[in-house]
Amino acid sequence: EVAVAPGDPVRQQVCVRPGTVVSLVLSPRTDGKRWTALRSSAPALVQP
């Protein structure tokens, strides 16, 4: 599980083994913007 809260760095990294499931939890933003979507640069490797 990777949790992201306001004030955390806007870039993070995680190292995992093949077959791992990553749960990404993004806390509400404080700037009034809302999370809208996510994309993978390599969906064959990491698929949302």
ModelCIF file with pLDDT and N, C-alpha, C, O atoms, coordinates in Angstrom:
data_MODEL
#
_entry.id   MODEL 
#
_entity.id                         1 
_entity.type                       polymer 
_entity.pdbx_number_of_molecules   1 
#
_entity_poly.entity_id                      1 
_entity_poly.type                           'polypeptide(L)' 
_entity_poly.nstd_linkage                   no 
_entity_poly.nstd_monomer                   no 
_entity_poly.pdbx_seq_one_letter_code       EVAVAPGDPVRQQVCVRPGTVVSLVLSPRTDGKRWTALRSSAPALVQP 
_entity_poly.pdbx_seq_one_letter_code_can   EVAVAPGDPVRQQVCVRPGTVVSLVLSPRTDGKRWTALRSSAPALVQP 
_entity_poly.pdbx_strand_id                 A 
#
loop_
_entity_poly_seq.entity_id 
_entity_poly_seq.num 
_entity_poly_seq.mon_id 
_entity_poly_seq.hetero 
1 1  GLU n 
1 2  VAL n 
1 3  ALA n 
1 4  VAL n 
1 5  ALA n 
1 6  PRO n 
1 7  GLY n 
1 8  ASP n 
1 9  PRO n 
1 10 VAL n 
1 11 ARG n 
1 12 GLN n 
1 13 GLN n 
1 14 VAL n 
1 15 CYS n 
1 16 VAL n 
1 17 ARG n 
1 18 PRO n 
1 19 GLY n 
1 20 THR n 
1 21 VAL n 
1 22 VAL n 
1 23 SER n 
1 24 LEU n 
1 25 VAL n 
1 26 LEU n 
1 27 SER n 
1 28 PRO n 
1 29 ARG n 
1 30 THR n 
1 31 ASP n 
1 32 GLY n 
1 33 LYS n 
1 34 ARG n 
1 35 TRP n 
1 36 THR n 
1 37 ALA n 
1 38 LEU n 
1 39 ARG n 
1 40 SER n 
1 41 SER n 
1 42 ALA n 
1 43 PRO n 
1 44 ALA n 
1 45 LEU n 
1 46 VAL n 
1 47 GLN n 
1 48 PRO n 
#
_struct_asym.id          A 
_struct_asym.entity_id   1 
#
loop_
_ma_qa_metric.id 
_ma_qa_metric.mode 
_ma_qa_metric.name 
_ma_qa_metric.software_group_id 
_ma_qa_metric.type 
1 global pLDDT . pLDDT 
2 local  pLDDT . pLDDT 
#
_ma_qa_metric_global.metric_id      1 
_ma_qa_metric_global.metric_value   95.15 
_ma_qa_metric_global.model_id       1 
_ma_qa_metric_global.ordinal_id     1 
#
loop_
_ma_qa_metric_local.label_asym_id 
_ma_qa_metric_local.label_comp_id 
_ma_qa_metric_local.label_seq_id 
_ma_qa_metric_local.metric_id 
_ma_qa_metric_local.metric_value 
_ma_qa_metric_local.model_id 
_ma_qa_metric_local.ordinal_id 
A GLU 1  2 97.00 1 1  
A VAL 2  2 97.00 1 2  
A ALA 3  2 97.00 1 3  
A VAL 4  2 97.00 1 4  
A ALA 5  2 96.00 1 5  
A PRO 6  2 93.00 1 6  
A GLY 7  2 93.00 1 7  
A ASP 8  2 96.00 1 8  
A PRO 9  2 96.00 1 9  
A VAL 10 2 95.00 1 10 
A ARG 11 2 97.00 1 11 
A GLN 12 2 97.00 1 12 
A GLN 13 2 97.00 1 13 
A VAL 14 2 97.00 1 14 
A CYS 15 2 97.00 1 15 
A VAL 16 2 97.00 1 16 
A ARG 17 2 96.00 1 17 
A PRO 18 2 95.00 1 18 
A GLY 19 2 95.00 1 19 
A THR 20 2 96.00 1 20 
A VAL 21 2 97.00 1 21 
A VAL 22 2 98.00 1 22 
A SER 23 2 98.00 1 23 
A LEU 24 2 98.00 1 24 
A VAL 25 2 98.00 1 25 
A LEU 26 2 98.00 1 26 
A SER 27 2 97.00 1 27 
A PRO 28 2 95.00 1 28 
A ARG 29 2 92.00 1 29 
A THR 30 2 90.00 1 30 
A ASP 31 2 88.00 1 31 
A GLY 32 2 85.00 1 32 
A LYS 33 2 90.00 1 33 
A ARG 34 2 92.00 1 34 
A TRP 35 2 94.00 1 35 
A THR 36 2 92.00 1 36 
A ALA 37 2 91.00 1 37 
A LEU 38 2 93.00 1 38 
A ARG 39 2 95.00 1 39 
A SER 40 2 97.00 1 40 
A SER 41 2 97.00 1 41 
A ALA 42 2 97.00 1 42 
A PRO 43 2 95.00 1 43 
A ALA 44 2 94.00 1 44 
A LEU 45 2 96.00 1 45 
A VAL 46 2 97.00 1 46 
A GLN 47 2 96.00 1 47 
A PRO 48 2 96.00 1 48 
#
loop_
_atom_site.group_PDB 
_atom_site.id 
_atom_site.type_symbol 
_atom_site.label_atom_id 
_atom_site.label_alt_id 
_atom_site.label_comp_id 
_atom_site.label_asym_id 
_atom_site.label_entity_id 
_atom_site.label_seq_id 
_atom_site.pdbx_PDB_ins_code 
_atom_site.Cartn_x 
_atom_site.Cartn_y 
_atom_site.Cartn_z 
_atom_site.occupancy 
_atom_site.B_iso_or_equiv 
_atom_site.pdbx_formal_charge 
_atom_site.auth_seq_id 
_atom_site.auth_comp_id 
_atom_site.auth_asym_id 
_atom_site.auth_atom_id 
_atom_site.pdbx_PDB_model_num 
ATOM 1   N N  . GLU A 1 1  ? 0.844   -1.187  0.000   1.00 97.00 ? 1  GLU A N  1 
ATOM 2   C CA . GLU A 1 1  ? 0.000   0.000   0.000   1.00 97.00 ? 1  GLU A CA 1 
ATOM 3   C C  . GLU A 1 1  ? 0.879   1.236   0.000   1.00 97.00 ? 1  GLU A C  1 
ATOM 4   O O  . GLU A 1 1  ? 1.820   1.350   0.786   1.00 97.00 ? 1  GLU A O  1 
ATOM 5   N N  . VAL A 1 2  ? 0.559   2.159   -0.895  1.00 97.00 ? 2  VAL A N  1 
ATOM 6   C CA . VAL A 1 2  ? 1.235   3.445   -0.957  1.00 97.00 ? 2  VAL A CA 1 
ATOM 7   C C  . VAL A 1 2  ? 0.177   4.500   -0.653  1.00 97.00 ? 2  VAL A C  1 
ATOM 8   O O  . VAL A 1 2  ? -0.802  4.629   -1.389  1.00 97.00 ? 2  VAL A O  1 
ATOM 9   N N  . ALA A 1 3  ? 0.369   5.255   0.429   1.00 97.00 ? 3  ALA A N  1 
ATOM 10  C CA . ALA A 1 3  ? -0.570  6.303   0.820   1.00 97.00 ? 3  ALA A CA 1 
ATOM 11  C C  . ALA A 1 3  ? 0.068   7.656   0.535   1.00 97.00 ? 3  ALA A C  1 
ATOM 12  O O  . ALA A 1 3  ? 1.238   7.881   0.842   1.00 97.00 ? 3  ALA A O  1 
ATOM 13  N N  . VAL A 1 4  ? -0.711  8.548   -0.053  1.00 97.00 ? 4  VAL A N  1 
ATOM 14  C CA . VAL A 1 4  ? -0.239  9.881   -0.399  1.00 97.00 ? 4  VAL A CA 1 
ATOM 15  C C  . VAL A 1 4  ? -1.139  10.892  0.298   1.00 97.00 ? 4  VAL A C  1 
ATOM 16  O O  . VAL A 1 4  ? -2.357  10.882  0.120   1.00 97.00 ? 4  VAL A O  1 
ATOM 17  N N  . ALA A 1 5  ? -0.529  11.762  1.093   1.00 96.00 ? 5  ALA A N  1 
ATOM 18  C CA . ALA A 1 5  ? -1.257  12.782  1.836   1.00 96.00 ? 5  ALA A CA 1 
ATOM 19  C C  . ALA A 1 5  ? -0.810  14.164  1.372   1.00 96.00 ? 5  ALA A C  1 
ATOM 20  O O  . ALA A 1 5  ? 0.268   14.304  0.795   1.00 96.00 ? 5  ALA A O  1 
ATOM 21  N N  . PRO A 1 6  ? -1.625  15.183  1.617   1.00 93.00 ? 6  PRO A N  1 
ATOM 22  C CA . PRO A 1 6  ? -1.209  16.545  1.269   1.00 93.00 ? 6  PRO A CA 1 
ATOM 23  C C  . PRO A 1 6  ? 0.148   16.865  1.898   1.00 93.00 ? 6  PRO A C  1 
ATOM 24  O O  . PRO A 1 6  ? 0.387   16.560  3.067   1.00 93.00 ? 6  PRO A O  1 
ATOM 25  N N  . GLY A 1 7  ? 1.020   17.473  1.123   1.00 93.00 ? 7  GLY A N  1 
ATOM 26  C CA . GLY A 1 7  ? 2.355   17.809  1.589   1.00 93.00 ? 7  GLY A CA 1 
ATOM 27  C C  . GLY A 1 7  ? 3.404   16.762  1.273   1.00 93.00 ? 7  GLY A C  1 
ATOM 28  O O  . GLY A 1 7  ? 4.599   17.038  1.383   1.00 93.00 ? 7  GLY A O  1 
ATOM 29  N N  . ASP A 1 8  ? 2.984   15.559  0.882   1.00 96.00 ? 8  ASP A N  1 
ATOM 30  C CA . ASP A 1 8  ? 3.940   14.522  0.482   1.00 96.00 ? 8  ASP A CA 1 
ATOM 31  C C  . ASP A 1 8  ? 4.563   14.898  -0.864  1.00 96.00 ? 8  ASP A C  1 
ATOM 32  O O  . ASP A 1 8  ? 3.979   15.679  -1.616  1.00 96.00 ? 8  ASP A O  1 
ATOM 33  N N  . PRO A 1 9  ? 5.742   14.351  -1.174  1.00 96.00 ? 9  PRO A N  1 
ATOM 34  C CA . PRO A 1 9  ? 6.352   14.629  -2.489  1.00 96.00 ? 9  PRO A CA 1 
ATOM 35  C C  . PRO A 1 9  ? 5.414   14.218  -3.623  1.00 96.00 ? 9  PRO A C  1 
ATOM 36  O O  . PRO A 1 9  ? 4.660   13.252  -3.500  1.00 96.00 ? 9  PRO A O  1 
ATOM 37  N N  . VAL A 1 10 ? 5.470   14.964  -4.727  1.00 95.00 ? 10 VAL A N  1 
ATOM 38  C CA . VAL A 1 10 ? 4.598   14.679  -5.866  1.00 95.00 ? 10 VAL A CA 1 
ATOM 39  C C  . VAL A 1 10 ? 5.153   13.566  -6.744  1.00 95.00 ? 10 VAL A C  1 
ATOM 40  O O  . VAL A 1 10 ? 4.491   13.145  -7.693  1.00 95.00 ? 10 VAL A O  1 
ATOM 41  N N  . ARG A 1 11 ? 6.358   13.081  -6.445  1.00 97.00 ? 11 ARG A N  1 
ATOM 42  C CA . ARG A 1 11 ? 6.956   11.924  -7.121  1.00 97.00 ? 11 ARG A CA 1 
ATOM 43  C C  . ARG A 1 11 ? 7.435   10.964  -6.042  1.00 97.00 ? 11 ARG A C  1 
ATOM 44  O O  . ARG A 1 11 ? 8.168   11.343  -5.128  1.00 97.00 ? 11 ARG A O  1 
ATOM 45  N N  . GLN A 1 12 ? 7.010   9.729   -6.169  1.00 97.00 ? 12 GLN A N  1 
ATOM 46  C CA . GLN A 1 12 ? 7.479   8.684   -5.263  1.00 97.00 ? 12 GLN A CA 1 
ATOM 47  C C  . GLN A 1 12 ? 7.800   7.459   -6.101  1.00 97.00 ? 12 GLN A C  1 
ATOM 48  O O  . GLN A 1 12 ? 7.403   7.360   -7.261  1.00 97.00 ? 12 GLN A O  1 
ATOM 49  N N  . GLN A 1 13 ? 8.524   6.529   -5.497  1.00 97.00 ? 13 GLN A N  1 
ATOM 50  C CA . GLN A 1 13 ? 8.813   5.279   -6.190  1.00 97.00 ? 13 GLN A CA 1 
ATOM 51  C C  . GLN A 1 13 ? 8.659   4.116   -5.238  1.00 97.00 ? 13 GLN A C  1 
ATOM 52  O O  . GLN A 1 13 ? 8.781   4.248   -4.020  1.00 97.00 ? 13 GLN A O  1 
ATOM 53  N N  . VAL A 1 14 ? 8.386   2.972   -5.838  1.00 97.00 ? 14 VAL A N  1 
ATOM 54  C CA . VAL A 1 14 ? 8.239   1.745   -5.072  1.00 97.00 ? 14 VAL A CA 1 
ATOM 55  C C  . VAL A 1 14 ? 8.878   0.622   -5.884  1.00 97.00 ? 14 VAL A C  1 
ATOM 56  O O  . VAL A 1 14 ? 8.784   0.596   -7.111  1.00 97.00 ? 14 VAL A O  1 
ATOM 57  N N  . CYS A 1 15 ? 9.523   -0.296  -5.189  1.00 97.00 ? 15 CYS A N  1 
ATOM 58  C CA . CYS A 1 15 ? 10.151  -1.448  -5.826  1.00 97.00 ? 15 CYS A CA 1 
ATOM 59  C C  . CYS A 1 15 ? 9.372   -2.684  -5.397  1.00 97.00 ? 15 CYS A C  1 
ATOM 60  O O  . CYS A 1 15 ? 9.197   -2.942  -4.206  1.00 97.00 ? 15 CYS A O  1 
ATOM 61  N N  . VAL A 1 16 ? 8.906   -3.447  -6.389  1.00 97.00 ? 16 VAL A N  1 
ATOM 62  C CA . VAL A 1 16 ? 8.076   -4.615  -6.108  1.00 97.00 ? 16 VAL A CA 1 
ATOM 63  C C  . VAL A 1 16 ? 8.544   -5.808  -6.925  1.00 97.00 ? 16 VAL A C  1 
ATOM 64  O O  . VAL A 1 16 ? 9.307   -5.670  -7.881  1.00 97.00 ? 16 VAL A O  1 
ATOM 65  N N  . ARG A 1 17 ? 8.073   -6.968  -6.532  1.00 96.00 ? 17 ARG A N  1 
ATOM 66  C CA . ARG A 1 17 ? 8.328   -8.209  -7.259  1.00 96.00 ? 17 ARG A CA 1 
ATOM 67  C C  . ARG A 1 17 ? 7.214   -8.418  -8.294  1.00 96.00 ? 17 ARG A C  1 
ATOM 68  O O  . ARG A 1 17 ? 6.128   -7.857  -8.145  1.00 96.00 ? 17 ARG A O  1 
ATOM 69  N N  . PRO A 1 18 ? 7.465   -9.204  -9.323  1.00 95.00 ? 18 PRO A N  1 
ATOM 70  C CA . PRO A 1 18 ? 6.402   -9.524  -10.288 1.00 95.00 ? 18 PRO A CA 1 
ATOM 71  C C  . PRO A 1 18 ? 5.195   -10.138 -9.577  1.00 95.00 ? 18 PRO A C  1 
ATOM 72  O O  . PRO A 1 18 ? 5.342   -10.886 -8.611  1.00 95.00 ? 18 PRO A O  1 
ATOM 73  N N  . GLY A 1 19 ? 4.009   -9.811  -10.068 1.00 95.00 ? 19 GLY A N  1 
ATOM 74  C CA . GLY A 1 19 ? 2.776   -10.332 -9.501  1.00 95.00 ? 19 GLY A CA 1 
ATOM 75  C C  . GLY A 1 19 ? 2.236   -9.554  -8.315  1.00 95.00 ? 19 GLY A C  1 
ATOM 76  O O  . GLY A 1 19 ? 1.175   -9.892  -7.790  1.00 95.00 ? 19 GLY A O  1 
ATOM 77  N N  . THR A 1 20 ? 2.938   -8.527  -7.888  1.00 96.00 ? 20 THR A N  1 
ATOM 78  C CA . THR A 1 20 ? 2.509   -7.729  -6.741  1.00 96.00 ? 20 THR A CA 1 
ATOM 79  C C  . THR A 1 20 ? 1.311   -6.855  -7.107  1.00 96.00 ? 20 THR A C  1 
ATOM 80  O O  . THR A 1 20 ? 1.197   -6.382  -8.238  1.00 96.00 ? 20 THR A O  1 
ATOM 81  N N  . VAL A 1 21 ? 0.426   -6.648  -6.142  1.00 97.00 ? 21 VAL A N  1 
ATOM 82  C CA . VAL A 1 21 ? -0.681  -5.705  -6.284  1.00 97.00 ? 21 VAL A CA 1 
ATOM 83  C C  . VAL A 1 21 ? -0.358  -4.503  -5.408  1.00 97.00 ? 21 VAL A C  1 
ATOM 84  O O  . VAL A 1 21 ? -0.118  -4.641  -4.208  1.00 97.00 ? 21 VAL A O  1 
ATOM 85  N N  . VAL A 1 22 ? -0.355  -3.326  -6.017  1.00 98.00 ? 22 VAL A N  1 
ATOM 86  C CA . VAL A 1 22 ? -0.090  -2.087  -5.294  1.00 98.00 ? 22 VAL A CA 1 
ATOM 87  C C  . VAL A 1 22 ? -1.415  -1.359  -5.102  1.00 98.00 ? 22 VAL A C  1 
ATOM 88  O O  . VAL A 1 22 ? -2.114  -1.054  -6.068  1.00 98.00 ? 22 VAL A O  1 
ATOM 89  N N  . SER A 1 23 ? -1.753  -1.083  -3.835  1.00 98.00 ? 23 SER A N  1 
ATOM 90  C CA . SER A 1 23 ? -2.928  -0.271  -3.534  1.00 98.00 ? 23 SER A CA 1 
ATOM 91  C C  . SER A 1 23 ? -2.451  1.158   -3.329  1.00 98.00 ? 23 SER A C  1 
ATOM 92  O O  . SER A 1 23 ? -1.623  1.423   -2.457  1.00 98.00 ? 23 SER A O  1 
ATOM 93  N N  . LEU A 1 24 ? -2.969  2.069   -4.125  1.00 98.00 ? 24 LEU A N  1 
ATOM 94  C CA . LEU A 1 24 ? -2.592  3.475   -4.053  1.00 98.00 ? 24 LEU A CA 1 
ATOM 95  C C  . LEU A 1 24 ? -3.762  4.233   -3.443  1.00 98.00 ? 24 LEU A C  1 
ATOM 96  O O  . LEU A 1 24 ? -4.871  4.204   -3.976  1.00 98.00 ? 24 LEU A O  1 
ATOM 97  N N  . VAL A 1 25 ? -3.515  4.919   -2.313  1.00 98.00 ? 25 VAL A N  1 
ATOM 98  C CA . VAL A 1 25 ? -4.540  5.688   -1.620  1.00 98.00 ? 25 VAL A CA 1 
ATOM 99  C C  . VAL A 1 25 ? -4.112  7.144   -1.629  1.00 98.00 ? 25 VAL A C  1 
ATOM 100 O O  . VAL A 1 25 ? -3.082  7.499   -1.057  1.00 98.00 ? 25 VAL A O  1 
ATOM 101 N N  . LEU A 1 26 ? -4.905  7.985   -2.279  1.00 98.00 ? 26 LEU A N  1 
ATOM 102 C CA . LEU A 1 26 ? -4.600  9.401   -2.424  1.00 98.00 ? 26 LEU A CA 1 
ATOM 103 C C  . LEU A 1 26 ? -5.587  10.203  -1.579  1.00 98.00 ? 26 LEU A C  1 
ATOM 104 O O  . LEU A 1 26 ? -6.778  10.256  -1.886  1.00 98.00 ? 26 LEU A O  1 
ATOM 105 N N  . SER A 1 27 ? -5.083  10.826  -0.512  1.00 97.00 ? 27 SER A N  1 
ATOM 106 C CA . SER A 1 27 ? -5.941  11.632  0.356   1.00 97.00 ? 27 SER A CA 1 
ATOM 107 C C  . SER A 1 27 ? -6.468  12.841  -0.396  1.00 97.00 ? 27 SER A C  1 
ATOM 108 O O  . SER A 1 27 ? -5.883  13.247  -1.401  1.00 97.00 ? 27 SER A O  1 
ATOM 109 N N  . PRO A 1 28 ? -7.570  13.424  0.077   1.00 95.00 ? 28 PRO A N  1 
ATOM 110 C CA . PRO A 1 28 ? -8.114  14.605  -0.586  1.00 95.00 ? 28 PRO A CA 1 
ATOM 111 C C  . PRO A 1 28 ? -7.079  15.718  -0.657  1.00 95.00 ? 28 PRO A C  1 
ATOM 112 O O  . PRO A 1 28 ? -6.277  15.898  0.259   1.00 95.00 ? 28 PRO A O  1 
ATOM 113 N N  . ARG A 1 29 ? -7.106  16.455  -1.751  1.00 92.00 ? 29 ARG A N  1 
ATOM 114 C CA . ARG A 1 29 ? -6.169  17.548  -1.965  1.00 92.00 ? 29 ARG A CA 1 
ATOM 115 C C  . ARG A 1 29 ? -6.641  18.786  -1.199  1.00 92.00 ? 29 ARG A C  1 
ATOM 116 O O  . ARG A 1 29 ? -7.838  18.965  -0.976  1.00 92.00 ? 29 ARG A O  1 
ATOM 117 N N  . THR A 1 30 ? -5.704  19.627  -0.804  1.00 90.00 ? 30 THR A N  1 
ATOM 118 C CA . THR A 1 30 ? -6.040  20.848  -0.066  1.00 90.00 ? 30 THR A CA 1 
ATOM 119 C C  . THR A 1 30 ? -6.164  22.066  -0.971  1.00 90.00 ? 30 THR A C  1 
ATOM 120 O O  . THR A 1 30 ? -6.546  23.141  -0.508  1.00 90.00 ? 30 THR A O  1 
ATOM 121 N N  . ASP A 1 31 ? -5.844  21.915  -2.265  1.00 88.00 ? 31 ASP A N  1 
ATOM 122 C CA . ASP A 1 31 ? -5.872  23.054  -3.185  1.00 88.00 ? 31 ASP A CA 1 
ATOM 123 C C  . ASP A 1 31 ? -7.196  23.185  -3.940  1.00 88.00 ? 31 ASP A C  1 
ATOM 124 O O  . ASP A 1 31 ? -7.303  24.000  -4.856  1.00 88.00 ? 31 ASP A O  1 
ATOM 125 N N  . GLY A 1 32 ? -8.201  22.397  -3.570  1.00 85.00 ? 32 GLY A N  1 
ATOM 126 C CA . GLY A 1 32 ? -9.495  22.480  -4.229  1.00 85.00 ? 32 GLY A CA 1 
ATOM 127 C C  . GLY A 1 32 ? -9.607  21.612  -5.464  1.00 85.00 ? 32 GLY A C  1 
ATOM 128 O O  . GLY A 1 32 ? -10.703 21.434  -5.996  1.00 85.00 ? 32 GLY A O  1 
ATOM 129 N N  . LYS A 1 33 ? -8.494  21.069  -5.927  1.00 90.00 ? 33 LYS A N  1 
ATOM 130 C CA . LYS A 1 33 ? -8.543  20.186  -7.095  1.00 90.00 ? 33 LYS A CA 1 
ATOM 131 C C  . LYS A 1 33 ? -8.964  18.795  -6.651  1.00 90.00 ? 33 LYS A C  1 
ATOM 132 O O  . LYS A 1 33 ? -8.750  18.398  -5.505  1.00 90.00 ? 33 LYS A O  1 
ATOM 133 N N  . ARG A 1 34 ? -9.567  18.062  -7.581  1.00 92.00 ? 34 ARG A N  1 
ATOM 134 C CA . ARG A 1 34 ? -10.006 16.699  -7.302  1.00 92.00 ? 34 ARG A CA 1 
ATOM 135 C C  . ARG A 1 34 ? -9.224  15.728  -8.161  1.00 92.00 ? 34 ARG A C  1 
ATOM 136 O O  . ARG A 1 34 ? -8.916  16.019  -9.316  1.00 92.00 ? 34 ARG A O  1 
ATOM 137 N N  . TRP A 1 35 ? -8.900  14.566  -7.593  1.00 94.00 ? 35 TRP A N  1 
ATOM 138 C CA . TRP A 1 35 ? -8.282  13.501  -8.365  1.00 94.00 ? 35 TRP A CA 1 
ATOM 139 C C  . TRP A 1 35 ? -9.278  13.096  -9.444  1.00 94.00 ? 35 TRP A C  1 
ATOM 140 O O  . TRP A 1 35 ? -10.472 12.981  -9.167  1.00 94.00 ? 35 TRP A O  1 
ATOM 141 N N  . THR A 1 36 ? -8.806  12.878  -10.668 1.00 92.00 ? 36 THR A N  1 
ATOM 142 C CA . THR A 1 36 ? -9.747  12.555  -11.742 1.00 92.00 ? 36 THR A CA 1 
ATOM 143 C C  . THR A 1 36 ? -9.478  11.207  -12.405 1.00 92.00 ? 36 THR A C  1 
ATOM 144 O O  . THR A 1 36 ? -10.428 10.513  -12.767 1.00 92.00 ? 36 THR A O  1 
ATOM 145 N N  . ALA A 1 37 ? -8.238  10.819  -12.574 1.00 91.00 ? 37 ALA A N  1 
ATOM 146 C CA . ALA A 1 37 ? -7.926  9.587   -13.302 1.00 91.00 ? 37 ALA A CA 1 
ATOM 147 C C  . ALA A 1 37 ? -6.464  9.237   -13.096 1.00 91.00 ? 37 ALA A C  1 
ATOM 148 O O  . ALA A 1 37 ? -5.694  10.036  -12.564 1.00 91.00 ? 37 ALA A O  1 
ATOM 149 N N  . LEU A 1 38 ? -6.082  8.034   -13.521 1.00 93.00 ? 38 LEU A N  1 
ATOM 150 C CA . LEU A 1 38 ? -4.672  7.680   -13.526 1.00 93.00 ? 38 LEU A CA 1 
ATOM 151 C C  . LEU A 1 38 ? -4.355  6.907   -14.792 1.00 93.00 ? 38 LEU A C  1 
ATOM 152 O O  . LEU A 1 38 ? -5.223  6.299   -15.418 1.00 93.00 ? 38 LEU A O  1 
ATOM 153 N N  . ARG A 1 39 ? -3.071  6.954   -15.148 1.00 95.00 ? 39 ARG A N  1 
ATOM 154 C CA . ARG A 1 39 ? -2.588  6.295   -16.366 1.00 95.00 ? 39 ARG A CA 1 
ATOM 155 C C  . ARG A 1 39 ? -1.272  5.591   -16.074 1.00 95.00 ? 39 ARG A C  1 
ATOM 156 O O  . ARG A 1 39 ? -0.498  6.013   -15.214 1.00 95.00 ? 39 ARG A O  1 
ATOM 157 N N  . SER A 1 40 ? -1.038  4.510   -16.808 1.00 97.00 ? 40 SER A N  1 
ATOM 158 C CA . SER A 1 40 ? 0.228   3.781   -16.719 1.00 97.00 ? 40 SER A CA 1 
ATOM 159 C C  . SER A 1 40 ? 1.009   4.001   -18.005 1.00 97.00 ? 40 SER A C  1 
ATOM 160 O O  . SER A 1 40 ? 0.454   3.919   -19.100 1.00 97.00 ? 40 SER A O  1 
ATOM 161 N N  . SER A 1 41 ? 2.299   4.281   -17.866 1.00 97.00 ? 41 SER A N  1 
ATOM 162 C CA . SER A 1 41 ? 3.147   4.446   -19.054 1.00 97.00 ? 41 SER A CA 1 
ATOM 163 C C  . SER A 1 41 ? 3.463   3.098   -19.694 1.00 97.00 ? 41 SER A C  1 
ATOM 164 O O  . SER A 1 41 ? 3.879   3.048   -20.851 1.00 97.00 ? 41 SER A O  1 
ATOM 165 N N  . ALA A 1 42 ? 3.270   2.011   -18.959 1.00 97.00 ? 42 ALA A N  1 
ATOM 166 C CA . ALA A 1 42 ? 3.534   0.657   -19.472 1.00 97.00 ? 42 ALA A CA 1 
ATOM 167 C C  . ALA A 1 42 ? 2.454   -0.288  -18.949 1.00 97.00 ? 42 ALA A C  1 
ATOM 168 O O  . ALA A 1 42 ? 2.701   -1.061  -18.023 1.00 97.00 ? 42 ALA A O  1 
ATOM 169 N N  . PRO A 1 43 ? 1.244   -0.229  -19.546 1.00 95.00 ? 43 PRO A N  1 
ATOM 170 C CA . PRO A 1 43 ? 0.149   -1.065  -19.033 1.00 95.00 ? 43 PRO A CA 1 
ATOM 171 C C  . PRO A 1 43 ? 0.399   -2.562  -19.127 1.00 95.00 ? 43 PRO A C  1 
ATOM 172 O O  . PRO A 1 43 ? -0.249  -3.327  -18.413 1.00 95.00 ? 43 PRO A O  1 
ATOM 173 N N  . ALA A 1 44 ? 1.310   -3.008  -19.976 1.00 94.00 ? 44 ALA A N  1 
ATOM 174 C CA . ALA A 1 44 ? 1.631   -4.437  -20.031 1.00 94.00 ? 44 ALA A CA 1 
ATOM 175 C C  . ALA A 1 44 ? 2.438   -4.857  -18.806 1.00 94.00 ? 44 ALA A C  1 
ATOM 176 O O  . ALA A 1 44 ? 2.478   -6.037  -18.459 1.00 94.00 ? 44 ALA A O  1 
ATOM 177 N N  . LEU A 1 45 ? 3.072   -3.902  -18.159 1.00 96.00 ? 45 LEU A N  1 
ATOM 178 C CA . LEU A 1 45 ? 3.879   -4.186  -16.969 1.00 96.00 ? 45 LEU A CA 1 
ATOM 179 C C  . LEU A 1 45 ? 3.104   -3.871  -15.686 1.00 96.00 ? 45 LEU A C  1 
ATOM 180 O O  . LEU A 1 45 ? 3.077   -4.690  -14.768 1.00 96.00 ? 45 LEU A O  1 
ATOM 181 N N  . VAL A 1 46 ? 2.480   -2.704  -15.614 1.00 97.00 ? 46 VAL A N  1 
ATOM 182 C CA . VAL A 1 46 ? 1.686   -2.301  -14.452 1.00 97.00 ? 46 VAL A CA 1 
ATOM 183 C C  . VAL A 1 46 ? 0.337   -1.814  -14.971 1.00 97.00 ? 46 VAL A C  1 
ATOM 184 O O  . VAL A 1 46 ? 0.241   -0.766  -15.611 1.00 97.00 ? 46 VAL A O  1 
ATOM 185 N N  . GLN A 1 47 ? -0.697  -2.592  -14.683 1.00 96.00 ? 47 GLN A N  1 
ATOM 186 C CA . GLN A 1 47 ? -2.035  -2.319  -15.207 1.00 96.00 ? 47 GLN A CA 1 
ATOM 187 C C  . GLN A 1 47 ? -2.947  -1.793  -14.094 1.00 96.00 ? 47 GLN A C  1 
ATOM 188 O O  . GLN A 1 47 ? -3.190  -2.495  -13.112 1.00 96.00 ? 47 GLN A O  1 
ATOM 189 N N  . PRO A 1 48 ? -3.449  -0.574  -14.238 1.00 96.00 ? 48 PRO A N  1 
ATOM 190 C CA . PRO A 1 48 ? -4.474  -0.125  -13.286 1.00 96.00 ? 48 PRO A CA 1 
ATOM 191 C C  . PRO A 1 48 ? -5.718  -0.996  -13.454 1.00 96.00 ? 48 PRO A C  1 
ATOM 192 O O  . PRO A 1 48 ? -6.710  -0.796  -12.753 1.00 96.00 ? 48 PRO A O  1 
#
